[in-house]
Amino acid sequence: MDRRQFLDTTSRAGLLASAGFVQVAGSPPSTSAQEPSTAPATSPKAKRRVAVIGTGWYGKCDVLRLMQVEPVDVVALCDVDSKMLADASDLITARGKLEKPPALFGDYREMLKEVKPEIVLVGTPDHWHALTMIAAVEAGADVYVQKPTSVDVAESQAMLAAARKHGRVVQVGTQRRSTPHIVEAKEKFIDTGMLGKIGLVEVYCYYHMRAKDNPLVTEPPASLDYEMWAGPAPKRPFTALVHPRRWRAFTEYGNGIMGDMCIHMLDCTRFLLGLGWPQSVASVGGIYVDPQSQANIPDTQTATFDFNGLDVVWQHRSYGSSPDAKYPWGLTIYGDKGTLKVSVMGYDFIPQGKGEAVHKDVTFELEQYPEDKTEKDLEKHVAPAIRQHMRDFLKAIDQRSKPVADIEEGHISTVSCILANLSLELGRTLHWDAATGTVIGDEEANKKLARPYRAPWVHPGA
């Protein structure tokens, strides 16, 4: 055990002792309908037993960051691509210096039944988040699930209900809430009132991230169980845009750039300003510039989220230049005393009138975690945020409390983005009733809150 692991472990042990709580492996889930369950202290615990469902790009990224902050025991991996699964097993076994490789599964249901992990990380494509997360909490595990929580509103509602029913801690991968320089910006400029009265927030993404190509329809790779990969979603003819990593090109498997990039900055805005549900959502857009690609997600979209008189306005376009080259993806908060720009790469505070501007760059932590320097496909600037998000997740597990990106927070941000897409589809503003989880006075919109599942899979919100 190296010095960092020793400090992390002893710190957690001290927290457990002072709080009087311990999570016992294999303990039954709580029946509490409101909060994660509380267990009495018993004895020092062994390494936490962790399993991963979805071992692609971000599944590996998340579990490797977890392994950096605590010496967990990765006991099982699950993926429908056997090559991806084997490659992930080799990497995780080597990086974690595991005594034995994780058990490998192609079906998450078999994994949960046989291995009974304490913690499950869900890194699947979006259309699989709901079923896997719900199954994991029903099996008694605490869960870290990637964003967005779901591809439709009813799925996300069912995920929140399951987490509360079974008393499980669920952290959503909206790690802007744990990004060190963003937390600093909140404390220095928002909590102190330095922005004054805030009248508008702009959130945006100008990355050219929408697929432009048209690969041929082919047979799926021999390593891929495509029937299981599609699961409850429509099974499109297979092309290289479907797997691996490029499935976001299709509305069948995700919520487009709105559900991929807006959710991060909308959730970050909600975190910074303490916002709950929007009262209404209106959106326009479409495929205006790039109709030749197989991708069926909008290349242009604007959405306005009305938070009781404060408008948060999203814009994305996958062409042209960014209005501010330093902020191709981020948010800008306008107050009568100053303006705050925030992104994953840093922040800028610009006072109105007298006063000095303040700039801060992201901290990479490459010297503290040298493995970040060579890890394939790692977003090095995001790694510190994921580590802090994992620490917060583990702390919530130990204290049986809600983490910073609790499933309810992820649910609100996800559903808000889904409503924006639905508003674009229907061509009208949607007024949301948070108490009932329905669109006010719009039967057609409410019928679209749950999309059909492909047999034999059953929608959790049916």
Protein backbone atom coordinates (compact mmCIF):
# COMPACT_ATOMS: atom_id res chain seq x y z
CA MET A 1 0.00 0.00 0.00
CA ASP A 2 1.49 3.40 -0.97
CA ARG A 3 1.36 6.48 1.23
CA ARG A 4 -1.68 8.00 -0.54
CA GLN A 5 -3.66 4.78 -0.22
CA PHE A 6 -2.69 4.53 3.45
CA LEU A 7 -3.85 8.08 4.14
CA ASP A 8 -7.11 7.55 2.24
CA THR A 9 -7.80 4.32 4.12
CA THR A 10 -6.97 5.64 7.57
CA SER A 11 -8.97 8.79 6.91
CA ARG A 12 -12.03 6.74 6.03
CA ALA A 13 -11.54 4.53 9.06
CA GLY A 14 -11.45 7.60 11.29
CA LEU A 15 -14.61 8.92 9.66
CA LEU A 16 -16.37 5.62 10.30
CA ALA A 17 -15.27 5.57 13.92
CA SER A 18 -16.36 9.12 14.58
CA ALA A 19 -19.70 8.71 12.79
CA GLY A 20 -20.46 5.31 14.26
CA PHE A 21 -21.49 3.87 10.90
CA VAL A 22 -20.32 0.97 8.80
CA GLN A 23 -21.65 -0.61 5.60
CA VAL A 24 -21.58 -4.40 5.91
CA ALA A 25 -21.06 -6.39 2.72
CA GLY A 26 -24.11 -8.42 1.82
CA SER A 27 -26.42 -6.59 4.24
CA PRO A 28 -30.05 -6.35 3.11
CA PRO A 29 -31.35 -3.04 1.72
CA SER A 30 -33.30 -0.66 3.91
CA THR A 31 -37.04 -0.31 3.42
CA SER A 32 -36.84 3.43 4.08
CA ALA A 33 -38.77 5.36 1.44
CA GLN A 34 -36.90 8.64 1.97
CA GLU A 35 -33.22 8.36 2.93
CA PRO A 36 -30.29 5.93 2.53
CA SER A 37 -30.34 3.35 5.31
CA THR A 38 -28.28 3.60 8.49
CA ALA A 39 -26.43 0.57 9.90
CA PRO A 40 -24.89 0.38 13.41
CA ALA A 41 -21.12 0.09 13.76
CA THR A 42 -19.82 -3.46 13.98
CA SER A 43 -16.19 -4.02 13.00
CA PRO A 44 -13.57 -2.65 10.63
CA LYS A 45 -14.50 -3.50 7.07
CA ALA A 46 -12.51 -5.10 4.31
CA LYS A 47 -12.01 -3.52 0.91
CA ARG A 48 -15.27 -2.49 -0.70
CA ARG A 49 -16.48 -4.94 -3.33
CA VAL A 50 -17.00 -3.07 -6.60
CA ALA A 51 -18.53 -4.13 -9.91
CA VAL A 52 -18.72 -2.24 -13.20
CA ILE A 53 -21.53 -2.50 -15.77
CA GLY A 54 -20.32 -1.07 -19.07
CA THR A 55 -16.53 -1.20 -19.45
CA GLY A 56 -16.07 1.18 -22.37
CA TRP A 57 -14.44 4.60 -22.30
CA TYR A 58 -16.12 6.15 -19.26
CA GLY A 59 -16.75 2.93 -17.39
CA LYS A 60 -12.98 2.43 -17.24
CA CYS A 61 -12.37 6.12 -16.55
CA ASP A 62 -14.69 6.08 -13.53
CA VAL A 63 -13.44 2.87 -11.95
CA LEU A 64 -9.78 3.86 -12.40
CA ARG A 65 -10.46 7.18 -10.61
CA LEU A 66 -12.22 5.29 -7.81
CA MET A 67 -9.19 3.03 -7.51
CA GLN A 68 -6.99 6.11 -7.17
CA VAL A 69 -8.83 7.40 -4.10
CA GLU A 70 -9.34 4.08 -2.31
CA PRO A 71 -7.89 0.56 -2.68
CA VAL A 72 -11.19 -1.12 -3.56
CA ASP A 73 -11.62 -4.74 -4.67
CA VAL A 74 -12.98 -4.79 -8.23
CA VAL A 75 -14.72 -8.16 -8.11
CA ALA A 76 -16.69 -8.18 -11.37
CA LEU A 77 -17.02 -6.54 -14.77
CA CYS A 78 -19.95 -6.76 -17.15
CA ASP A 79 -20.12 -5.84 -20.82
CA VAL A 80 -21.87 -7.11 -23.94
CA ASP A 81 -18.64 -6.74 -25.95
CA SER A 82 -16.32 -9.58 -24.95
CA LYS A 83 -13.19 -7.91 -26.35
CA MET A 84 -13.90 -4.67 -24.54
CA LEU A 85 -14.56 -6.69 -21.40
CA ALA A 86 -11.28 -8.61 -21.62
CA ASP A 87 -9.27 -5.47 -22.33
CA ALA A 88 -10.82 -3.71 -19.34
CA SER A 89 -10.08 -6.70 -17.12
CA ASP A 90 -6.41 -6.68 -18.09
CA LEU A 91 -6.10 -2.94 -17.47
CA ILE A 92 -7.93 -2.89 -14.15
CA THR A 93 -6.13 -5.98 -12.84
CA ALA A 94 -2.75 -4.46 -13.66
CA ARG A 95 -3.51 -0.97 -12.38
CA GLY A 96 -5.08 -2.22 -9.18
CA LYS A 97 -2.53 -4.98 -8.60
CA LEU A 98 -5.52 -7.19 -7.92
CA GLU A 99 -4.92 -10.59 -6.33
CA LYS A 100 -7.14 -12.15 -8.98
CA PRO A 101 -8.84 -10.75 -12.09
CA PRO A 102 -12.48 -9.67 -11.79
CA ALA A 103 -15.17 -12.17 -12.71
CA LEU A 104 -16.47 -11.41 -16.20
CA PHE A 105 -20.12 -11.35 -17.27
CA GLY A 106 -22.14 -10.56 -20.38
CA ASP A 107 -25.44 -10.15 -18.47
CA TYR A 108 -25.71 -7.72 -15.55
CA ARG A 109 -28.50 -9.78 -13.97
CA GLU A 110 -26.26 -12.82 -13.63
CA MET A 111 -23.45 -10.66 -12.25
CA LEU A 112 -25.60 -9.08 -9.55
CA LYS A 113 -26.99 -12.46 -8.54
CA GLU A 114 -23.66 -14.28 -8.35
CA VAL A 115 -21.25 -11.61 -7.09
CA LYS A 116 -23.43 -9.40 -4.85
CA PRO A 117 -21.21 -6.27 -5.00
CA GLU A 118 -21.44 -3.46 -2.45
CA ILE A 119 -20.89 -0.77 -5.08
CA VAL A 120 -21.87 -0.79 -8.76
CA LEU A 121 -20.58 1.69 -11.33
CA VAL A 122 -22.84 2.06 -14.39
CA GLY A 123 -21.04 3.23 -17.53
CA THR A 124 -23.36 1.86 -20.22
CA PRO A 125 -24.92 3.80 -23.11
CA ASP A 126 -27.77 5.98 -21.89
CA HIS A 127 -30.59 3.64 -22.90
CA TRP A 128 -29.31 1.07 -20.39
CA HIS A 129 -28.89 3.34 -17.35
CA ALA A 130 -32.35 2.83 -15.85
CA LEU A 131 -32.63 -0.95 -15.89
CA THR A 132 -29.09 -1.56 -14.64
CA MET A 133 -29.20 1.05 -11.88
CA ILE A 134 -32.58 -0.15 -10.61
CA ALA A 135 -31.43 -3.78 -10.63
CA ALA A 136 -28.29 -2.83 -8.69
CA VAL A 137 -30.15 -1.01 -5.91
CA GLU A 138 -32.66 -3.86 -5.71
CA ALA A 139 -29.68 -6.16 -5.18
CA GLY A 140 -28.54 -4.01 -2.23
CA ALA A 141 -25.72 -2.07 -3.90
CA ASP A 142 -24.93 1.62 -3.77
CA VAL A 143 -24.56 3.00 -7.29
CA TYR A 144 -22.55 5.53 -9.27
CA VAL A 145 -24.46 6.00 -12.53
CA GLN A 146 -23.33 8.05 -15.47
CA LYS A 147 -25.39 10.97 -16.70
CA PRO A 148 -28.01 11.50 -17.99
CA THR A 149 -29.99 9.29 -15.67
CA SER A 150 -32.24 8.07 -18.49
CA VAL A 151 -33.57 8.51 -22.01
CA ASP A 152 -37.15 9.25 -20.96
CA VAL A 153 -38.87 10.92 -18.03
CA ALA A 154 -40.61 7.86 -16.58
CA GLU A 155 -37.35 5.89 -16.45
CA SER A 156 -35.73 8.61 -14.37
CA GLN A 157 -38.74 8.81 -12.05
CA ALA A 158 -38.51 5.04 -11.51
CA MET A 159 -34.78 5.31 -10.74
CA LEU A 160 -35.37 7.91 -8.04
CA ALA A 161 -38.21 5.87 -6.56
CA ALA A 162 -36.07 2.70 -6.47
CA ALA A 163 -33.15 4.44 -4.77
CA ARG A 164 -35.40 5.80 -2.04
CA LYS A 165 -37.39 2.58 -1.61
CA HIS A 166 -34.26 0.49 -1.09
CA GLY A 167 -32.33 3.07 0.91
CA ARG A 168 -29.36 3.14 -1.45
CA VAL A 169 -26.84 5.91 -2.06
CA VAL A 170 -26.85 6.87 -5.75
CA GLN A 171 -24.36 9.38 -7.16
CA VAL A 172 -24.90 10.65 -10.71
CA GLY A 173 -21.84 11.42 -12.86
CA THR A 174 -22.51 15.17 -13.06
CA GLN A 175 -19.04 15.86 -11.67
CA ARG A 176 -19.11 19.60 -12.28
CA ARG A 177 -20.49 19.70 -8.72
CA SER A 178 -17.14 18.29 -7.58
CA THR A 179 -14.83 20.23 -9.92
CA PRO A 180 -12.43 22.08 -7.57
CA HIS A 181 -12.22 25.39 -9.43
CA ILE A 182 -16.02 25.47 -9.96
CA VAL A 183 -16.64 24.89 -6.26
CA GLU A 184 -14.16 27.71 -5.58
CA ALA A 185 -15.97 30.04 -7.98
CA LYS A 186 -19.26 29.36 -6.20
CA GLU A 187 -17.77 30.17 -2.80
CA LYS A 188 -15.88 33.29 -3.91
CA PHE A 189 -18.26 35.01 -6.29
CA ILE A 190 -21.79 33.65 -5.87
CA ASP A 191 -22.14 32.81 -2.18
CA THR A 192 -20.60 36.21 -1.30
CA GLY A 193 -23.00 38.13 -3.54
CA MET A 194 -20.26 39.62 -5.73
CA LEU A 195 -22.39 39.15 -8.87
CA GLY A 196 -25.23 41.16 -7.39
CA LYS A 197 -28.72 40.50 -8.73
CA ILE A 198 -28.55 37.77 -11.36
CA GLY A 199 -30.81 38.27 -14.37
CA LEU A 200 -29.68 35.72 -16.96
CA VAL A 201 -27.58 32.59 -17.38
CA GLU A 202 -26.32 31.35 -20.74
CA VAL A 203 -25.22 27.73 -21.13
CA TYR A 204 -23.72 26.55 -24.40
CA CYS A 205 -21.68 24.11 -26.44
CA TYR A 206 -20.05 24.84 -29.79
CA TYR A 207 -17.98 21.67 -30.17
CA HIS A 208 -18.16 20.04 -33.62
CA MET A 209 -19.15 16.76 -32.00
CA ARG A 210 -22.05 15.59 -34.16
CA ALA A 211 -21.19 12.70 -36.50
CA LYS A 212 -20.78 13.70 -40.15
CA ASP A 213 -20.06 10.35 -41.81
CA ASN A 214 -22.20 7.57 -43.23
CA PRO A 215 -20.50 4.23 -42.56
CA LEU A 216 -21.87 1.15 -44.31
CA VAL A 217 -24.39 -1.16 -42.69
CA THR A 218 -22.46 -4.26 -41.66
CA GLU A 219 -22.71 -7.26 -39.39
CA PRO A 220 -21.83 -6.38 -35.78
CA PRO A 221 -18.34 -7.37 -34.60
CA ALA A 222 -18.07 -11.01 -33.54
CA SER A 223 -17.26 -9.85 -30.02
CA LEU A 224 -20.50 -7.87 -29.66
CA ASP A 225 -23.85 -9.26 -28.53
CA TYR A 226 -25.82 -6.65 -30.46
CA GLU A 227 -29.20 -7.99 -29.38
CA MET A 228 -28.25 -7.38 -25.74
CA TRP A 229 -26.54 -4.08 -26.58
CA ALA A 230 -29.79 -2.70 -28.05
CA GLY A 231 -31.80 -4.19 -25.18
CA PRO A 232 -34.96 -2.14 -24.54
CA ALA A 233 -34.19 0.38 -27.30
CA PRO A 234 -34.93 0.09 -31.03
CA LYS A 235 -32.42 -2.13 -32.80
CA ARG A 236 -31.03 -0.05 -35.65
CA PRO A 237 -29.15 -1.60 -38.58
CA PHE A 238 -25.59 -1.87 -37.30
CA THR A 239 -22.98 0.64 -38.48
CA ALA A 240 -19.75 1.96 -37.00
CA LEU A 241 -21.71 4.88 -35.53
CA VAL A 242 -23.51 2.54 -33.15
CA HIS A 243 -20.55 0.94 -31.37
CA PRO A 244 -18.19 1.80 -29.81
CA ARG A 245 -18.62 5.32 -28.37
CA ARG A 246 -20.52 6.97 -31.23
CA TRP A 247 -24.04 5.85 -30.32
CA ARG A 248 -24.90 9.41 -29.21
CA ALA A 249 -25.47 10.15 -32.89
CA PHE A 250 -28.90 8.52 -32.54
CA THR A 251 -31.97 9.53 -30.55
CA GLU A 252 -32.71 5.84 -30.05
CA TYR A 253 -29.80 5.54 -27.60
CA GLY A 254 -29.43 8.98 -26.06
CA ASN A 255 -30.75 12.54 -25.94
CA GLY A 256 -28.33 14.13 -28.36
CA ILE A 257 -26.06 17.03 -27.46
CA MET A 258 -28.81 18.31 -25.16
CA GLY A 259 -28.60 15.14 -23.05
CA ASP A 260 -24.83 14.87 -23.31
CA MET A 261 -23.50 18.40 -22.85
CA CYS A 262 -26.39 20.62 -21.73
CA ILE A 263 -27.10 18.43 -18.72
CA HIS A 264 -23.61 19.12 -17.36
CA MET A 265 -23.85 22.89 -17.63
CA LEU A 266 -27.52 23.09 -16.65
CA ASP A 267 -26.78 20.94 -13.59
CA CYS A 268 -23.74 23.08 -12.82
CA THR A 269 -25.92 26.20 -12.99
CA ARG A 270 -28.45 24.64 -10.66
CA PHE A 271 -25.62 23.74 -8.25
CA LEU A 272 -24.06 27.21 -8.36
CA LEU A 273 -27.34 29.09 -7.87
CA GLY A 274 -29.28 26.59 -5.76
CA LEU A 275 -32.03 26.10 -8.34
CA GLY A 276 -34.67 23.36 -8.28
CA TRP A 277 -37.11 22.56 -11.10
CA PRO A 278 -37.80 24.89 -14.03
CA GLN A 279 -41.42 26.00 -14.25
CA SER A 280 -41.40 25.76 -18.04
CA VAL A 281 -39.15 24.64 -20.88
CA ALA A 282 -39.24 25.84 -24.48
CA SER A 283 -36.95 24.71 -27.29
CA VAL A 284 -36.44 25.14 -31.02
CA GLY A 285 -33.92 23.68 -33.41
CA GLY A 286 -33.32 20.83 -35.81
CA ILE A 287 -30.95 19.54 -38.46
CA TYR A 288 -30.31 22.76 -40.34
CA VAL A 289 -26.76 22.46 -41.67
CA ASP A 290 -25.76 18.79 -41.85
CA PRO A 291 -28.62 16.65 -43.21
CA GLN A 292 -26.34 14.24 -45.06
CA SER A 293 -25.10 12.34 -41.98
CA GLN A 294 -26.76 9.21 -40.56
CA ALA A 295 -26.94 11.07 -37.24
CA ASN A 296 -30.53 12.00 -36.38
CA ILE A 297 -29.84 14.37 -33.48
CA PRO A 298 -30.16 18.16 -33.96
CA ASP A 299 -27.12 20.08 -35.15
CA THR A 300 -28.72 23.30 -33.88
CA GLN A 301 -30.80 23.79 -30.73
CA THR A 302 -31.79 26.56 -28.35
CA ALA A 303 -33.73 25.98 -25.12
CA THR A 304 -35.00 28.31 -22.43
CA PHE A 305 -35.48 26.96 -18.91
CA ASP A 306 -37.61 29.31 -16.79
CA PHE A 307 -36.68 29.07 -13.11
CA ASN A 308 -39.42 31.25 -11.66
CA GLY A 309 -38.36 34.35 -13.56
CA LEU A 310 -34.67 33.52 -14.05
CA ASP A 311 -34.03 32.33 -17.59
CA VAL A 312 -31.28 29.81 -18.23
CA VAL A 313 -30.77 29.73 -22.00
CA TRP A 314 -28.98 26.87 -23.76
CA GLN A 315 -27.54 26.95 -27.25
CA HIS A 316 -25.59 24.38 -29.21
CA ARG A 317 -24.52 24.17 -32.81
CA SER A 318 -22.07 21.70 -34.24
CA TYR A 319 -20.62 24.07 -36.82
CA GLY A 320 -19.10 27.54 -36.97
CA SER A 321 -16.97 29.16 -34.28
CA SER A 322 -17.48 29.84 -30.59
CA PRO A 323 -18.32 33.45 -29.60
CA ASP A 324 -15.50 33.17 -27.03
CA ALA A 325 -12.61 30.93 -28.06
CA LYS A 326 -11.77 30.29 -24.40
CA TYR A 327 -15.30 29.07 -23.68
CA PRO A 328 -16.48 26.64 -26.38
CA TRP A 329 -18.44 24.73 -23.70
CA GLY A 330 -19.50 26.40 -20.49
CA LEU A 331 -21.83 28.83 -18.77
CA THR A 332 -21.99 32.58 -18.23
CA ILE A 333 -23.84 34.12 -15.28
CA TYR A 334 -24.79 37.79 -15.68
CA GLY A 335 -25.37 39.93 -12.59
CA ASP A 336 -25.70 43.67 -12.14
CA LYS A 337 -22.36 43.76 -10.27
CA GLY A 338 -20.37 41.35 -12.37
CA THR A 339 -20.21 38.44 -14.81
CA LEU A 340 -18.90 34.94 -14.13
CA LYS A 341 -17.79 32.56 -16.88
CA VAL A 342 -17.24 28.92 -15.97
CA SER A 343 -15.98 25.91 -17.90
CA VAL A 344 -14.17 22.65 -17.25
CA MET A 345 -10.91 24.49 -18.03
CA GLY A 346 -11.27 27.37 -15.56
CA TYR A 347 -13.28 30.47 -14.68
CA ASP A 348 -13.25 34.24 -15.23
CA PHE A 349 -14.88 36.83 -12.99
CA ILE A 350 -15.38 40.23 -14.63
CA PRO A 351 -16.59 42.94 -12.22
CA GLN A 352 -18.96 45.66 -13.39
CA GLY A 353 -17.17 48.98 -13.03
CA LYS A 354 -14.35 49.14 -10.49
CA GLY A 355 -12.51 46.07 -9.28
CA GLU A 356 -10.07 43.57 -10.68
CA ALA A 357 -10.92 40.67 -12.94
CA VAL A 358 -10.04 37.22 -11.62
CA HIS A 359 -8.97 34.23 -13.70
CA LYS A 360 -8.38 30.65 -12.57
CA ASP A 361 -7.22 27.64 -14.59
CA VAL A 362 -8.10 24.02 -13.91
CA THR A 363 -5.66 22.07 -11.72
CA PHE A 364 -4.58 18.83 -13.38
CA GLU A 365 -3.00 16.87 -10.43
CA LEU A 366 -0.65 15.07 -12.81
CA GLU A 367 2.20 14.93 -10.29
CA GLN A 368 -0.02 13.54 -7.53
CA TYR A 369 -1.45 10.93 -9.92
CA PRO A 370 1.25 10.26 -12.55
CA GLU A 371 -0.76 7.43 -14.12
CA ASP A 372 -3.02 10.15 -15.53
CA LYS A 373 -0.18 11.20 -17.85
CA THR A 374 -0.27 8.00 -19.90
CA GLU A 375 -3.83 6.67 -19.52
CA LYS A 376 -5.40 6.20 -22.95
CA ASP A 377 -8.29 8.57 -23.78
CA LEU A 378 -8.33 10.15 -20.31
CA GLU A 379 -9.67 13.71 -20.12
CA LYS A 380 -6.84 14.86 -17.87
CA HIS A 381 -8.58 18.08 -16.87
CA VAL A 382 -11.66 16.15 -15.71
CA ALA A 383 -9.83 13.50 -13.66
CA PRO A 384 -9.56 15.65 -10.48
CA ALA A 385 -13.32 16.29 -10.58
CA ILE A 386 -14.11 12.58 -10.91
CA ARG A 387 -11.78 11.74 -8.03
CA GLN A 388 -13.48 14.31 -5.81
CA HIS A 389 -16.88 13.02 -6.96
CA MET A 390 -15.83 9.49 -5.95
CA ARG A 391 -14.62 10.70 -2.54
CA ASP A 392 -17.96 12.39 -1.99
CA PHE A 393 -19.74 9.18 -3.06
CA LEU A 394 -17.73 7.05 -0.60
CA LYS A 395 -18.31 9.55 2.21
CA ALA A 396 -22.06 9.43 1.57
CA ILE A 397 -21.94 5.62 1.67
CA ASP A 398 -20.12 5.68 5.01
CA GLN A 399 -22.48 8.24 6.50
CA ARG A 400 -25.60 6.86 4.75
CA SER A 401 -26.32 10.36 3.49
CA LYS A 402 -27.07 12.02 0.17
CA PRO A 403 -24.06 12.74 -2.07
CA VAL A 404 -23.55 16.06 -3.83
CA ALA A 405 -25.02 14.68 -7.08
CA ASP A 406 -27.74 12.62 -5.44
CA ILE A 407 -30.08 10.78 -7.81
CA GLU A 408 -32.75 13.43 -7.25
CA GLU A 409 -30.44 16.20 -8.49
CA GLY A 410 -29.47 14.12 -11.51
CA HIS A 411 -33.15 13.37 -12.11
CA ILE A 412 -34.09 17.06 -12.17
CA SER A 413 -31.32 18.01 -14.58
CA THR A 414 -31.93 15.01 -16.84
CA VAL A 415 -35.70 15.46 -17.06
CA SER A 416 -35.29 19.18 -17.76
CA CYS A 417 -33.16 18.33 -20.81
CA ILE A 418 -35.58 15.62 -21.96
CA LEU A 419 -38.41 18.16 -21.73
CA ALA A 420 -36.39 20.50 -23.94
CA ASN A 421 -36.14 17.80 -26.61
CA LEU A 422 -39.85 17.08 -26.22
CA SER A 423 -40.66 20.79 -26.58
CA LEU A 424 -38.65 20.88 -29.81
CA GLU A 425 -40.51 17.81 -31.11
CA LEU A 426 -43.97 19.15 -30.25
CA GLY A 427 -43.27 22.75 -31.20
CA ARG A 428 -44.55 24.37 -28.02
CA THR A 429 -43.59 25.43 -24.49
CA LEU A 430 -44.07 22.76 -21.82
CA HIS A 431 -45.18 23.81 -18.32
CA TRP A 432 -43.96 21.36 -15.70
CA ASP A 433 -45.69 20.26 -12.49
CA ALA A 434 -42.88 18.95 -10.29
CA ALA A 435 -45.30 17.64 -7.65
CA THR A 436 -47.07 15.28 -10.05
CA GLY A 437 -44.22 14.77 -12.51
CA THR A 438 -46.38 15.71 -15.48
CA VAL A 439 -46.73 18.41 -18.11
CA ILE A 440 -49.59 20.73 -17.19
CA GLY A 441 -52.59 20.53 -19.49
CA ASP A 442 -50.83 18.63 -22.28
CA GLU A 443 -52.06 15.07 -22.76
CA GLU A 444 -49.99 14.54 -25.89
CA ALA A 445 -46.76 15.52 -24.09
CA ASN A 446 -47.57 13.32 -21.09
CA LYS A 447 -48.02 10.31 -23.35
CA LYS A 448 -44.43 10.82 -24.47
CA LEU A 449 -42.91 10.81 -20.96
CA ALA A 450 -42.33 7.05 -21.33
CA ARG A 451 -41.23 5.69 -24.67
CA PRO A 452 -42.04 2.12 -25.78
CA TYR A 453 -39.65 -0.67 -24.81
CA ARG A 454 -38.61 -3.42 -27.19
CA ALA A 455 -39.79 -6.85 -26.07
CA PRO A 456 -39.10 -8.73 -23.87
CA TRP A 457 -37.82 -5.80 -21.77
CA VAL A 458 -40.37 -4.09 -19.51
CA HIS A 459 -40.30 -0.36 -18.82
CA PRO A 460 -39.67 0.29 -15.10
CA GLY A 461 -42.20 3.11 -15.12
CA ALA A 462 -44.91 1.17 -16.95
